[in-house]
N, C-alpha and C. Protein backbone atom coordinates (compact mmCIF):
# COMPACT_ATOMS: atom_id res chain seq x y z
N MET A 1 -59.04 42.11 89.19
CA MET A 1 -58.87 42.75 88.18
C MET A 1 -59.77 42.34 87.78
N SER A 2 -61.09 42.95 87.57
CA SER A 2 -62.13 43.02 86.44
C SER A 2 -62.44 42.23 85.94
N ASP A 3 -63.74 41.40 84.70
CA ASP A 3 -63.63 41.41 83.36
C ASP A 3 -63.31 42.24 82.64
N ALA A 4 -64.51 44.04 83.17
CA ALA A 4 -64.27 44.94 82.04
C ALA A 4 -63.07 45.41 82.00
N GLN A 5 -61.72 45.25 83.05
CA GLN A 5 -60.71 45.92 82.46
C GLN A 5 -59.84 44.77 82.14
N ASP A 6 -60.06 43.82 82.23
CA ASP A 6 -59.51 42.27 81.01
C ASP A 6 -59.37 42.57 80.00
N LEU A 7 -60.77 42.90 79.16
CA LEU A 7 -61.27 43.58 77.95
C LEU A 7 -60.79 44.85 77.54
N ALA A 8 -60.75 45.73 78.07
CA ALA A 8 -59.87 46.77 78.20
C ALA A 8 -58.55 46.78 77.50
N MET A 9 -58.19 45.94 78.50
CA MET A 9 -56.25 46.08 78.29
C MET A 9 -55.65 44.96 77.17
N THR A 10 -56.68 44.36 76.06
CA THR A 10 -56.53 43.44 75.54
C THR A 10 -56.70 44.03 74.47
N PRO A 11 -55.31 43.64 73.63
CA PRO A 11 -55.85 43.98 72.22
C PRO A 11 -56.22 44.15 71.15
N ARG A 12 -56.40 44.75 70.60
CA ARG A 12 -58.31 44.89 69.63
C ARG A 12 -57.57 43.85 68.26
N GLN A 13 -58.39 42.64 67.84
CA GLN A 13 -57.86 41.72 67.05
C GLN A 13 -58.16 42.91 65.72
N ARG A 14 -57.25 42.35 64.46
CA ARG A 14 -58.07 43.26 63.30
C ARG A 14 -58.94 41.80 62.90
N GLY A 15 -60.32 42.87 61.89
CA GLY A 15 -60.61 41.91 61.48
C GLY A 15 -60.06 41.32 59.82
N ARG A 16 -60.73 39.65 59.71
CA ARG A 16 -60.03 39.39 58.26
C ARG A 16 -60.02 39.73 57.24
N PRO A 17 -58.91 40.36 56.36
CA PRO A 17 -59.26 41.18 55.28
C PRO A 17 -60.18 40.41 54.21
N ARG A 18 -61.20 41.35 53.51
CA ARG A 18 -62.22 40.49 52.21
C ARG A 18 -61.37 40.05 51.49
N ARG A 19 -61.76 38.95 51.31
CA ARG A 19 -61.46 38.35 50.41
C ARG A 19 -61.40 38.19 48.46
N ILE A 20 -60.76 38.58 47.65
CA ILE A 20 -61.10 38.98 46.45
C ILE A 20 -60.07 37.96 45.34
N SER A 21 -61.05 37.83 44.39
CA SER A 21 -60.73 37.31 43.70
C SER A 21 -61.13 37.73 42.26
N ARG A 22 -60.81 37.25 41.16
CA ARG A 22 -60.50 37.57 39.73
C ARG A 22 -62.01 37.80 39.33
N ASP A 23 -63.33 36.61 39.77
CA ASP A 23 -64.24 37.21 39.20
C ASP A 23 -64.72 38.40 39.96
N ARG A 24 -64.70 38.25 41.48
CA ARG A 24 -65.09 39.49 42.01
C ARG A 24 -64.60 40.85 41.48
N ILE A 25 -63.25 40.75 40.86
CA ILE A 25 -62.80 41.93 40.26
C ILE A 25 -63.95 42.69 38.95
N VAL A 26 -64.00 41.37 37.85
CA VAL A 26 -64.60 40.85 37.23
C VAL A 26 -65.87 41.64 37.14
N SER A 27 -66.58 41.47 38.13
CA SER A 27 -68.32 41.87 38.33
C SER A 27 -68.73 43.19 39.00
N ALA A 28 -67.48 43.50 39.91
CA ALA A 28 -67.68 44.66 40.30
C ALA A 28 -66.79 45.91 39.00
N ALA A 29 -65.85 45.92 38.14
CA ALA A 29 -65.79 46.26 36.94
C ALA A 29 -66.88 46.62 35.85
N ARG A 30 -67.40 45.54 35.90
CA ARG A 30 -68.86 44.95 34.94
C ARG A 30 -70.00 46.71 35.56
N GLY A 31 -69.98 46.90 36.56
CA GLY A 31 -71.00 47.96 37.13
C GLY A 31 -70.18 49.40 37.09
N LEU A 32 -69.32 49.35 36.23
CA LEU A 32 -68.75 50.14 36.14
C LEU A 32 -68.72 51.15 34.71
N ALA A 33 -68.73 52.42 34.66
CA ALA A 33 -68.27 52.48 33.41
C ALA A 33 -67.15 52.72 32.90
N PRO A 34 -67.15 52.34 31.12
CA PRO A 34 -65.45 51.64 31.13
C PRO A 34 -64.42 52.91 30.76
N GLU A 35 -64.79 54.37 30.74
CA GLU A 35 -64.49 55.79 31.20
C GLU A 35 -63.67 55.87 32.20
N SER A 36 -64.16 55.20 33.40
CA SER A 36 -63.86 55.56 34.64
C SER A 36 -63.37 54.37 35.21
N LEU A 37 -63.06 53.13 34.74
CA LEU A 37 -62.54 51.72 34.99
C LEU A 37 -61.01 52.28 35.67
N THR A 38 -60.62 52.01 36.70
CA THR A 38 -59.60 52.08 37.54
C THR A 38 -59.13 51.47 38.72
N MET A 39 -58.13 51.15 39.19
CA MET A 39 -57.99 49.96 40.26
C MET A 39 -58.90 50.73 41.10
N GLN A 40 -58.41 52.36 41.43
CA GLN A 40 -58.99 52.42 42.95
C GLN A 40 -60.47 52.73 43.31
N ALA A 41 -61.05 52.98 41.49
CA ALA A 41 -62.45 53.15 41.37
C ALA A 41 -63.24 51.39 41.76
N VAL A 42 -62.60 50.27 41.29
CA VAL A 42 -63.13 48.93 41.46
C VAL A 42 -62.65 48.68 42.88
N ALA A 43 -61.91 49.15 43.85
CA ALA A 43 -61.45 48.85 45.02
C ALA A 43 -62.39 49.58 45.79
N ASP A 44 -62.86 50.48 45.92
CA ASP A 44 -63.70 51.19 46.37
C ASP A 44 -65.08 50.17 45.55
N VAL A 45 -65.76 49.69 45.47
CA VAL A 45 -66.70 48.53 45.10
C VAL A 45 -66.56 48.28 46.07
N LEU A 46 -65.49 47.17 46.04
CA LEU A 46 -64.96 45.88 46.90
C LEU A 46 -64.78 46.20 48.62
N GLY A 47 -64.51 47.22 48.56
CA GLY A 47 -64.20 47.74 50.05
C GLY A 47 -62.61 47.03 50.60
N VAL A 48 -61.44 47.47 49.20
CA VAL A 48 -60.95 47.03 49.88
C VAL A 48 -59.21 48.29 49.72
N ASP A 49 -58.07 48.17 49.93
CA ASP A 49 -57.06 48.54 49.10
C ASP A 49 -56.68 48.60 47.58
N PRO A 50 -56.30 49.77 46.77
CA PRO A 50 -56.16 49.38 45.92
C PRO A 50 -55.02 48.12 44.90
N LYS A 51 -53.99 48.12 46.59
CA LYS A 51 -53.38 46.62 46.66
C LYS A 51 -53.22 46.00 46.16
N ALA A 52 -54.70 45.20 46.74
CA ALA A 52 -55.22 44.29 46.94
C ALA A 52 -55.43 43.36 45.31
N LEU A 53 -55.90 44.21 44.44
CA LEU A 53 -55.47 43.82 43.77
C LEU A 53 -55.01 43.39 42.23
N ASN A 54 -53.44 44.21 42.84
CA ASN A 54 -52.25 43.98 42.08
C ASN A 54 -52.34 42.59 42.18
N TYR A 55 -52.26 41.86 42.77
CA TYR A 55 -51.84 40.17 42.51
C TYR A 55 -53.15 39.34 41.51
N HIS A 56 -53.70 40.11 41.49
CA HIS A 56 -55.23 39.20 40.26
C HIS A 56 -54.90 40.49 39.56
N VAL A 57 -54.47 41.77 39.20
CA VAL A 57 -54.60 42.07 37.72
C VAL A 57 -53.23 42.96 37.17
N GLY A 58 -52.60 42.96 38.52
CA GLY A 58 -51.18 43.74 37.84
C GLY A 58 -51.05 45.02 38.34
N ASP A 59 -52.14 46.20 37.52
CA ASP A 59 -52.08 47.44 37.22
C ASP A 59 -53.51 47.46 36.43
N ARG A 60 -53.41 48.52 35.89
CA ARG A 60 -54.99 49.15 35.59
C ARG A 60 -55.17 49.03 34.12
N ASP A 61 -53.79 48.38 33.41
CA ASP A 61 -54.08 48.14 32.57
C ASP A 61 -54.40 46.70 31.87
N GLY A 62 -53.89 45.69 32.89
CA GLY A 62 -54.50 44.44 33.14
C GLY A 62 -55.82 44.35 33.43
N LEU A 63 -56.52 45.20 34.09
CA LEU A 63 -57.08 45.22 34.95
C LEU A 63 -58.54 45.56 33.76
N ARG A 64 -58.04 46.83 32.73
CA ARG A 64 -59.22 46.90 31.44
C ARG A 64 -59.44 45.69 30.52
N GLU A 65 -57.68 45.02 30.46
CA GLU A 65 -57.78 43.85 29.90
C GLU A 65 -58.57 42.60 29.78
N LEU A 66 -58.91 42.14 31.23
CA LEU A 66 -59.46 41.22 32.30
C LEU A 66 -60.89 41.89 32.07
N VAL A 67 -61.54 43.00 31.93
CA VAL A 67 -62.80 43.48 31.89
C VAL A 67 -63.36 43.13 30.45
N ALA A 68 -61.63 43.65 29.31
CA ALA A 68 -62.09 43.71 27.92
C ALA A 68 -62.47 42.32 27.16
N LEU A 69 -62.23 41.19 28.63
CA LEU A 69 -61.76 39.65 27.80
C LEU A 69 -63.24 38.99 28.37
N ASP A 70 -63.77 39.85 29.39
CA ASP A 70 -64.85 38.88 29.83
C ASP A 70 -66.36 39.54 29.48
N VAL A 71 -65.81 40.73 29.02
CA VAL A 71 -67.38 40.95 28.19
C VAL A 71 -67.28 40.82 26.74
N PHE A 72 -66.30 40.46 25.93
CA PHE A 72 -65.91 39.98 24.55
C PHE A 72 -66.27 38.31 24.70
N GLU A 73 -66.24 37.70 25.33
CA GLU A 73 -66.77 36.35 25.40
C GLU A 73 -68.00 36.02 26.29
N SER A 74 -68.76 37.12 27.09
CA SER A 74 -70.04 37.21 27.09
C SER A 74 -70.71 37.18 25.54
N ALA A 75 -70.33 38.01 25.01
CA ALA A 75 -71.31 38.56 23.66
C ALA A 75 -70.99 36.88 23.08
N LEU A 76 -69.69 36.68 22.95
CA LEU A 76 -69.98 35.38 21.54
C LEU A 76 -70.58 34.07 22.31
N THR A 77 -70.72 34.20 23.23
CA THR A 77 -71.31 32.77 23.96
C THR A 77 -72.98 33.39 23.46
N ARG A 78 -73.51 34.53 23.92
CA ARG A 78 -74.70 34.18 23.01
C ARG A 78 -74.87 34.59 21.79
N VAL A 79 -74.22 34.02 20.81
CA VAL A 79 -74.53 33.39 19.29
C VAL A 79 -75.37 32.86 18.82
N ALA A 80 -76.28 33.12 18.00
CA ALA A 80 -76.74 31.56 17.64
C ALA A 80 -76.27 31.35 15.99
N LEU A 81 -75.27 30.22 15.57
CA LEU A 81 -75.28 30.30 14.81
C LEU A 81 -75.92 29.69 13.61
N PRO A 82 -76.34 29.85 12.49
CA PRO A 82 -77.55 29.07 11.45
C PRO A 82 -77.33 27.74 11.48
N ALA A 83 -78.62 26.79 11.50
CA ALA A 83 -78.23 25.40 11.28
C ALA A 83 -78.46 25.39 10.16
N GLY A 84 -78.58 23.69 9.57
CA GLY A 84 -78.44 23.74 7.72
C GLY A 84 -77.57 23.31 7.59
N GLY A 85 -76.33 23.08 7.44
CA GLY A 85 -75.11 22.91 7.19
C GLY A 85 -74.39 23.38 6.10
N ASP A 86 -74.86 24.56 6.04
CA ASP A 86 -74.31 25.53 4.77
C ASP A 86 -73.08 26.28 5.40
N TRP A 87 -71.61 26.38 5.60
CA TRP A 87 -70.31 26.54 6.27
C TRP A 87 -70.48 28.25 5.76
N ARG A 88 -70.75 28.43 4.67
CA ARG A 88 -70.58 29.78 3.65
C ARG A 88 -71.75 30.45 5.12
N SER A 89 -72.91 30.82 5.21
CA SER A 89 -73.77 31.50 6.30
C SER A 89 -73.00 30.86 7.91
N VAL A 90 -73.11 29.95 8.16
CA VAL A 90 -71.85 30.10 9.44
C VAL A 90 -70.71 30.99 9.54
N LEU A 91 -69.92 30.42 8.71
CA LEU A 91 -68.77 31.71 8.21
C LEU A 91 -69.22 33.47 8.49
N ARG A 92 -70.39 33.47 8.08
CA ARG A 92 -70.44 35.24 8.08
C ARG A 92 -71.17 35.53 9.45
N THR A 93 -71.72 34.63 9.70
CA THR A 93 -72.88 34.51 10.71
C THR A 93 -71.23 34.69 12.22
N TYR A 94 -70.52 34.12 12.00
CA TYR A 94 -69.12 33.86 12.89
C TYR A 94 -68.51 34.95 13.28
N CYS A 95 -68.20 35.58 11.56
CA CYS A 95 -67.58 37.02 11.81
C CYS A 95 -68.22 37.91 11.92
N ALA A 96 -69.87 38.28 11.77
CA ALA A 96 -70.73 39.12 11.93
C ALA A 96 -70.23 39.55 13.77
N ALA A 97 -70.62 38.24 14.21
CA ALA A 97 -70.76 38.24 15.57
C ALA A 97 -69.57 38.57 16.02
N LEU A 98 -68.35 37.85 15.95
CA LEU A 98 -66.92 38.43 16.03
C LEU A 98 -67.53 40.46 16.03
N ARG A 99 -67.55 40.81 15.39
CA ARG A 99 -67.10 42.34 14.91
C ARG A 99 -68.30 42.89 15.71
N ASP A 100 -69.83 42.65 16.32
CA ASP A 100 -70.87 42.72 16.80
C ASP A 100 -69.66 42.81 18.35
N ALA A 101 -69.15 41.79 18.91
CA ALA A 101 -69.14 41.68 20.22
C ALA A 101 -67.31 42.61 20.28
N VAL A 102 -66.75 42.79 19.76
CA VAL A 102 -66.04 44.05 19.82
C VAL A 102 -66.42 45.51 19.57
N VAL A 103 -67.38 45.31 18.61
CA VAL A 103 -67.94 46.74 18.81
C VAL A 103 -68.25 46.86 20.12
N GLU A 104 -69.20 46.15 20.98
CA GLU A 104 -70.00 46.23 22.26
C GLU A 104 -68.64 46.26 23.28
N LEU A 105 -67.18 46.42 23.16
CA LEU A 105 -66.46 46.69 23.69
C LEU A 105 -65.78 48.46 24.05
N GLY A 106 -66.51 48.70 22.91
CA GLY A 106 -66.21 50.17 23.25
C GLY A 106 -64.69 51.01 23.27
N VAL A 107 -64.60 51.24 24.51
CA VAL A 107 -63.09 52.09 24.29
C VAL A 107 -62.18 50.76 24.65
N LEU A 108 -62.97 49.80 25.38
CA LEU A 108 -61.98 49.08 25.92
C LEU A 108 -61.49 48.15 25.08
N ALA A 109 -62.27 48.17 23.75
CA ALA A 109 -61.30 47.36 22.38
C ALA A 109 -60.18 47.64 22.38
N THR A 110 -59.11 48.61 22.85
CA THR A 110 -57.99 48.62 21.88
C THR A 110 -57.24 47.16 23.71
N TYR A 111 -57.99 46.91 24.29
CA TYR A 111 -57.47 46.18 25.49
C TYR A 111 -57.36 44.75 24.94
N PHE A 112 -58.01 45.06 24.02
CA PHE A 112 -58.29 43.25 23.98
C PHE A 112 -57.62 42.52 22.92
N ARG A 113 -57.37 41.29 23.54
CA ARG A 113 -55.96 40.34 22.38
C ARG A 113 -56.86 39.11 22.10
N LEU A 114 -57.16 38.62 21.19
CA LEU A 114 -57.46 37.05 20.57
C LEU A 114 -55.95 36.19 21.07
N PRO A 115 -56.93 34.88 21.17
CA PRO A 115 -57.88 34.90 21.20
C PRO A 115 -59.04 34.83 21.97
N PRO A 116 -60.00 34.80 22.70
CA PRO A 116 -60.62 34.45 23.83
C PRO A 116 -60.37 32.65 24.05
N THR A 117 -60.81 32.64 25.71
CA THR A 117 -60.38 31.12 25.64
C THR A 117 -61.45 30.89 26.93
N GLY A 118 -62.05 31.27 27.29
CA GLY A 118 -63.79 30.84 28.12
C GLY A 118 -64.10 29.86 27.52
N ILE A 119 -64.52 28.78 27.76
CA ILE A 119 -65.01 27.44 27.31
C ILE A 119 -66.75 28.30 26.80
N GLY A 120 -67.56 28.83 26.86
CA GLY A 120 -68.78 29.31 26.17
C GLY A 120 -68.02 30.09 25.14
N ALA A 121 -66.70 31.00 25.10
CA ALA A 121 -66.46 31.26 23.65
C ALA A 121 -65.78 30.60 22.42
N LEU A 122 -65.46 29.25 23.18
CA LEU A 122 -64.71 28.20 21.99
C LEU A 122 -66.19 27.36 21.83
N ALA A 123 -67.20 27.56 21.77
CA ALA A 123 -68.12 27.11 21.40
C ALA A 123 -68.50 26.91 19.72
N PRO A 124 -68.32 28.23 19.38
CA PRO A 124 -68.60 28.74 18.39
C PRO A 124 -67.51 28.71 17.24
N VAL A 125 -66.54 28.49 17.98
CA VAL A 125 -65.18 28.24 17.42
C VAL A 125 -65.17 26.33 16.58
N GLU A 126 -65.46 25.88 17.91
CA GLU A 126 -65.61 24.57 17.47
C GLU A 126 -66.93 23.78 16.23
N ARG A 127 -67.87 24.76 16.33
CA ARG A 127 -69.22 24.77 15.33
C ARG A 127 -68.41 25.44 13.90
N VAL A 128 -67.40 26.58 13.72
CA VAL A 128 -67.36 26.43 12.67
C VAL A 128 -66.40 25.83 12.31
N LEU A 129 -65.30 25.32 12.52
CA LEU A 129 -64.05 23.91 12.53
C LEU A 129 -65.20 22.84 11.71
N GLN A 130 -66.25 22.59 12.94
CA GLN A 130 -66.82 21.12 12.18
C GLN A 130 -67.18 21.14 11.16
N GLU A 131 -68.40 22.47 10.63
CA GLU A 131 -69.02 22.92 9.30
C GLU A 131 -67.60 22.99 8.39
N LEU A 132 -66.33 23.47 8.54
CA LEU A 132 -65.98 23.32 7.49
C LEU A 132 -65.52 22.06 6.76
N VAL A 133 -65.03 21.15 7.88
CA VAL A 133 -64.65 19.79 7.73
C VAL A 133 -65.20 19.63 7.53
N ASP A 134 -66.84 19.04 8.10
CA ASP A 134 -67.53 18.58 7.08
C ASP A 134 -68.61 18.52 5.84
N ALA A 135 -67.51 20.16 5.71
CA ALA A 135 -68.19 20.57 3.93
C ALA A 135 -66.89 20.30 3.00
N GLY A 136 -66.06 19.43 3.61
CA GLY A 136 -64.86 19.03 2.97
C GLY A 136 -63.41 19.30 2.90
N PHE A 137 -63.14 21.10 4.12
CA PHE A 137 -62.01 21.19 3.82
C PHE A 137 -61.44 20.04 4.80
N SER A 138 -59.49 20.18 4.64
CA SER A 138 -59.02 19.63 6.24
C SER A 138 -59.04 20.11 6.82
N VAL A 139 -58.51 19.50 7.99
CA VAL A 139 -58.41 20.27 9.35
C VAL A 139 -57.78 21.57 9.30
N GLY A 140 -56.49 21.21 8.52
CA GLY A 140 -55.11 22.61 8.28
C GLY A 140 -55.86 23.48 8.00
N ASP A 141 -56.75 23.01 6.82
CA ASP A 141 -57.36 24.37 5.75
C ASP A 141 -58.33 24.96 6.63
N ALA A 142 -58.80 24.47 7.52
CA ALA A 142 -59.80 24.85 8.12
C ALA A 142 -59.73 25.55 9.44
N GLY A 143 -59.05 24.90 9.76
CA GLY A 143 -57.66 26.00 11.36
C GLY A 143 -57.39 27.16 10.03
N HIS A 144 -56.80 27.24 9.35
CA HIS A 144 -56.69 28.85 8.37
C HIS A 144 -57.57 29.51 7.93
N ALA A 145 -59.04 29.23 7.66
CA ALA A 145 -60.32 29.72 7.39
C ALA A 145 -60.75 30.22 8.75
N LEU A 146 -60.68 29.89 10.06
CA LEU A 146 -61.03 30.24 11.07
C LEU A 146 -60.15 31.34 11.47
N ARG A 147 -59.02 31.35 11.76
CA ARG A 147 -57.71 32.39 11.46
C ARG A 147 -58.16 33.42 10.99
N LEU A 148 -58.69 33.60 9.70
CA LEU A 148 -58.65 34.48 8.69
C LEU A 148 -59.98 35.39 9.10
N VAL A 149 -61.00 34.72 9.10
CA VAL A 149 -62.42 34.80 9.13
C VAL A 149 -62.15 35.94 10.63
N THR A 150 -61.66 35.04 11.57
CA THR A 150 -61.70 35.57 13.10
C THR A 150 -60.87 36.97 12.84
N GLU A 151 -59.27 37.10 11.99
CA GLU A 151 -58.92 38.58 12.06
C GLU A 151 -59.94 39.34 11.48
N LEU A 152 -60.45 38.78 10.45
CA LEU A 152 -61.24 39.78 9.61
C LEU A 152 -62.77 40.59 10.34
N GLY A 153 -63.04 39.75 11.82
CA GLY A 153 -63.97 40.22 12.60
C GLY A 153 -63.77 40.83 13.42
N HIS A 154 -62.60 40.61 13.56
CA HIS A 154 -62.16 41.41 14.94
C HIS A 154 -61.35 43.11 14.33
N ALA A 155 -60.76 43.09 13.18
CA ALA A 155 -60.50 43.99 12.59
C ALA A 155 -61.74 45.37 12.37
N ALA A 156 -62.76 44.17 11.77
CA ALA A 156 -64.05 44.68 11.30
C ALA A 156 -64.50 45.75 12.38
N GLY A 157 -64.66 44.91 13.92
CA GLY A 157 -64.68 45.69 15.07
C GLY A 157 -64.41 46.82 15.94
N ARG A 158 -63.00 46.83 15.54
CA ARG A 158 -62.24 48.08 15.09
C ARG A 158 -62.38 49.13 14.96
N GLU A 159 -62.47 48.52 13.77
CA GLU A 159 -63.05 49.79 12.73
C GLU A 159 -64.22 50.40 13.16
N ALA A 160 -65.43 49.25 13.24
CA ALA A 160 -66.69 50.20 13.74
C ALA A 160 -66.40 51.24 14.78
N VAL A 161 -65.13 50.75 15.74
CA VAL A 161 -65.55 51.24 17.14
C VAL A 161 -64.75 52.91 16.45
N PHE A 162 -63.81 53.26 15.65
CA PHE A 162 -63.21 54.24 15.85
C PHE A 162 -64.41 54.97 14.85
N LEU A 163 -64.57 54.66 13.98
CA LEU A 163 -65.85 54.90 13.26
C LEU A 163 -66.72 55.83 13.66
N ALA A 164 -67.48 55.09 14.80
CA ALA A 164 -68.06 55.81 15.71
C ALA A 164 -67.82 56.59 16.55
N GLN A 165 -67.06 56.97 16.13
CA GLN A 165 -66.07 58.49 17.21
C GLN A 165 -65.65 59.53 16.64
N SER A 166 -66.04 58.91 14.89
CA SER A 166 -65.41 60.22 13.95
C SER A 166 -66.50 60.48 12.59
N THR A 167 -66.91 61.43 12.11
CA THR A 167 -67.41 61.09 10.85
C THR A 167 -66.90 61.03 9.40
N VAL A 168 -65.79 61.22 9.84
CA VAL A 168 -64.79 60.40 8.33
C VAL A 168 -63.78 59.25 8.78
N HIS A 169 -63.08 58.34 8.41
CA HIS A 169 -62.37 57.56 8.98
C HIS A 169 -61.04 58.32 8.77
N PRO A 170 -59.91 57.77 9.52
CA PRO A 170 -59.21 59.03 9.73
C PRO A 170 -58.00 58.98 8.66
N ASN A 171 -57.71 57.76 8.07
CA ASN A 171 -57.56 57.18 6.84
C ASN A 171 -57.64 58.44 5.72
N VAL A 172 -58.68 57.80 5.76
CA VAL A 172 -59.01 59.01 4.21
C VAL A 172 -58.83 60.46 4.63
N ASP A 173 -58.66 61.37 5.46
CA ASP A 173 -58.29 62.50 6.15
C ASP A 173 -57.37 62.57 5.66
N GLU A 174 -55.94 61.40 6.03
CA GLU A 174 -54.69 61.31 5.49
C GLU A 174 -54.18 61.60 4.50
N VAL A 175 -54.82 60.44 3.87
CA VAL A 175 -55.11 60.28 2.52
C VAL A 175 -55.65 61.36 1.22
N ALA A 176 -56.85 61.62 1.86
CA ALA A 176 -56.89 63.43 1.24
C ALA A 176 -55.77 64.67 1.36
N ALA A 177 -55.53 64.99 2.17
CA ALA A 177 -54.30 65.64 2.76
C ALA A 177 -53.34 65.85 1.74
N ALA A 178 -52.82 64.44 2.14
CA ALA A 178 -51.33 64.11 0.86
C ALA A 178 -51.61 64.37 -0.28
N LEU A 179 -53.03 64.11 -0.90
CA LEU A 179 -53.21 64.27 -2.59
C LEU A 179 -53.33 65.64 -2.78
N GLY A 180 -53.97 66.73 -1.80
CA GLY A 180 -53.98 67.98 -1.49
C GLY A 180 -52.54 68.81 -2.00
N GLY A 181 -51.31 68.31 -1.52
CA GLY A 181 -50.16 68.62 -1.99
C GLY A 181 -49.24 67.59 -2.96
N ALA A 182 -49.69 66.99 -3.64
CA ALA A 182 -49.61 66.72 -5.09
C ALA A 182 -50.26 67.37 -6.82
N VAL A 183 -49.10 66.72 -7.44
CA VAL A 183 -49.40 67.43 -8.61
C VAL A 183 -50.86 67.60 -8.87
N GLU A 184 -51.29 67.97 -9.41
CA GLU A 184 -52.87 67.93 -9.84
C GLU A 184 -52.90 67.13 -10.93
N GLY A 185 -53.72 66.39 -11.00
CA GLY A 185 -53.82 65.04 -11.89
C GLY A 185 -53.49 64.13 -11.27
N SER A 186 -53.23 64.49 -10.99
CA SER A 186 -51.73 62.81 -10.75
C SER A 186 -52.66 62.11 -9.68
N PHE A 187 -52.90 60.55 -9.43
CA PHE A 187 -53.42 60.02 -8.68
C PHE A 187 -54.61 59.63 -9.19
N PRO A 188 -55.33 60.04 -10.11
CA PRO A 188 -56.57 59.95 -10.00
C PRO A 188 -57.52 59.23 -10.26
N MET A 189 -57.91 57.82 -9.76
CA MET A 189 -58.20 56.30 -9.50
C MET A 189 -58.15 56.62 -7.83
N LEU A 190 -57.24 56.79 -7.09
CA LEU A 190 -57.16 57.15 -5.93
C LEU A 190 -58.06 58.70 -5.50
N ARG A 191 -57.45 59.54 -5.85
CA ARG A 191 -58.76 60.80 -6.06
C ARG A 191 -60.51 59.78 -6.01
N GLN A 192 -60.58 59.12 -6.66
CA GLN A 192 -62.06 58.95 -7.39
C GLN A 192 -62.44 58.28 -5.69
N VAL A 193 -61.99 57.33 -5.38
CA VAL A 193 -61.75 56.54 -4.05
C VAL A 193 -61.87 57.31 -2.58
N VAL A 194 -61.03 57.94 -2.84
CA VAL A 194 -61.43 59.25 -1.45
C VAL A 194 -62.47 60.23 -1.45
N ALA A 195 -62.83 60.34 -2.91
CA ALA A 195 -64.10 61.10 -2.60
C ALA A 195 -65.16 60.33 -2.50
N ALA A 196 -65.55 59.12 -3.00
CA ALA A 196 -66.37 58.14 -2.74
C ALA A 196 -66.49 58.04 -1.90
N ARG A 197 -65.18 57.38 -0.55
CA ARG A 197 -65.02 57.18 0.62
C ARG A 197 -65.56 58.31 1.71
N GLY A 198 -65.39 59.45 0.92
CA GLY A 198 -65.16 61.02 2.03
C GLY A 198 -66.40 60.67 3.20
N ASP A 199 -67.61 60.58 2.85
CA ASP A 199 -68.97 60.53 4.00
C ASP A 199 -69.27 59.01 4.00
N ASP A 200 -68.49 58.20 3.98
CA ASP A 200 -68.82 56.66 4.02
C ASP A 200 -68.05 56.45 5.60
N THR A 201 -69.01 56.09 6.77
CA THR A 201 -68.47 55.80 8.16
C THR A 201 -69.12 54.85 8.09
N ASP A 202 -70.10 53.76 7.13
CA ASP A 202 -70.22 52.66 7.35
C ASP A 202 -69.50 51.05 6.86
N ASP A 203 -69.50 50.40 8.01
CA ASP A 203 -68.37 49.53 7.26
C ASP A 203 -68.64 47.90 6.77
N GLU A 204 -70.00 48.07 7.07
CA GLU A 204 -71.36 46.56 6.65
C GLU A 204 -70.29 46.69 5.21
N ALA A 205 -70.22 47.61 4.51
CA ALA A 205 -69.94 46.68 2.64
C ALA A 205 -68.61 46.49 2.95
N GLN A 206 -68.04 47.14 3.68
CA GLN A 206 -66.47 46.48 3.65
C GLN A 206 -66.47 44.99 3.83
N LEU A 207 -67.16 44.98 5.21
CA LEU A 207 -66.86 43.28 5.96
C LEU A 207 -67.58 42.26 4.34
N GLN A 208 -68.94 43.11 4.27
CA GLN A 208 -69.31 42.34 3.33
C GLN A 208 -68.76 42.14 1.97
N PHE A 209 -68.01 42.76 1.57
CA PHE A 209 -67.34 42.68 0.09
C PHE A 209 -66.10 41.92 0.75
N SER A 210 -65.74 42.25 1.81
CA SER A 210 -64.52 40.70 2.37
C SER A 210 -64.27 39.54 2.49
N LEU A 211 -66.03 39.40 3.09
CA LEU A 211 -66.02 38.03 3.40
C LEU A 211 -66.89 37.03 2.01
N ASP A 212 -66.94 38.13 1.13
CA ASP A 212 -66.95 37.50 -0.59
C ASP A 212 -65.88 36.85 -0.53
N VAL A 213 -65.02 38.23 -0.69
CA VAL A 213 -63.41 37.41 -0.99
C VAL A 213 -63.31 36.42 -0.76
N VAL A 214 -63.24 36.26 0.52
CA VAL A 214 -63.13 34.82 1.56
C VAL A 214 -64.07 33.69 1.04
N VAL A 215 -65.07 33.57 0.96
CA VAL A 215 -66.00 32.98 0.80
C VAL A 215 -65.77 31.92 -0.02
N VAL A 216 -66.06 32.92 -1.59
CA VAL A 216 -65.24 32.99 -3.26
C VAL A 216 -63.59 31.61 -3.34
N GLY A 217 -62.59 32.46 -2.41
CA GLY A 217 -62.15 31.36 -2.52
C GLY A 217 -61.91 30.61 -1.93
N LEU A 218 -62.95 30.58 -0.26
CA LEU A 218 -62.55 29.18 -0.38
C LEU A 218 -63.76 27.98 -0.62
N GLU A 219 -64.44 28.57 -1.56
CA GLU A 219 -65.39 27.68 -2.98
C GLU A 219 -64.08 26.72 -3.67
N ARG A 220 -63.43 28.25 -4.09
CA ARG A 220 -62.51 27.47 -5.24
C ARG A 220 -61.56 26.46 -4.90
N MET A 221 -60.80 26.74 -3.44
CA MET A 221 -60.35 25.59 -3.09
C MET A 221 -60.48 24.26 -2.70
N LEU A 222 -62.32 24.19 -2.16
CA LEU A 222 -63.34 22.85 -2.38
C LEU A 222 -62.86 22.60 -3.51
N SER A 223 -63.75 23.23 -5.22
CA SER A 223 -63.72 22.90 -6.43
C SER A 223 -62.64 22.25 -6.89
N ARG A 224 -61.21 23.15 -6.74
CA ARG A 224 -59.90 22.74 -6.79
C ARG A 224 -59.29 20.78 -6.26
N ASP A 225 -60.18 21.29 -4.70
CA ASP A 225 -59.57 19.23 -4.28
C ASP A 225 -60.30 18.12 -4.60
């Protein structure tokens, strides 16, 4: 039997399947529009079967959570906290950076869960804690303050994402509708607040007000101690 015949009769070996990892999945997903982020779309970019992604991300929601975390942590690593030892400025800058990082997520904001765990994202967290402790807060109080401001920035970011998709805050519409069915003249103060907020889609004023309250409260704690 000739060599050619031997080759023809030898079963064709399958090539080794392409190896994928969480990093490769995230890299492929970041190149796709968030609205079209699916298991199939990422698999097509990687040249693999969608089932190959299941081990790393589970399902589409797991995929979007993974990408959301990567986008958020990447944004947070770019934060430049002010120098000079002013814990108030550091706290405000950190909170605003959190808000902006969530805004960067866009439609993926609903898939992000606190806290971030990447080393780069933990650096500003460490800096905030150090500034608070250096200012005189106990480690425990610094941790509580950090959590409060982190949740505040996260909530403000989600609020900004919602407002970007609507000309009027949905809560304002719902309260206005409820007041429309109430007795005329009732809830006068609430009606004034709704009227003032009706065309207000800027969350910056609310965030600054919240931060003012937090900072004043923390200053009182320091003076008390």
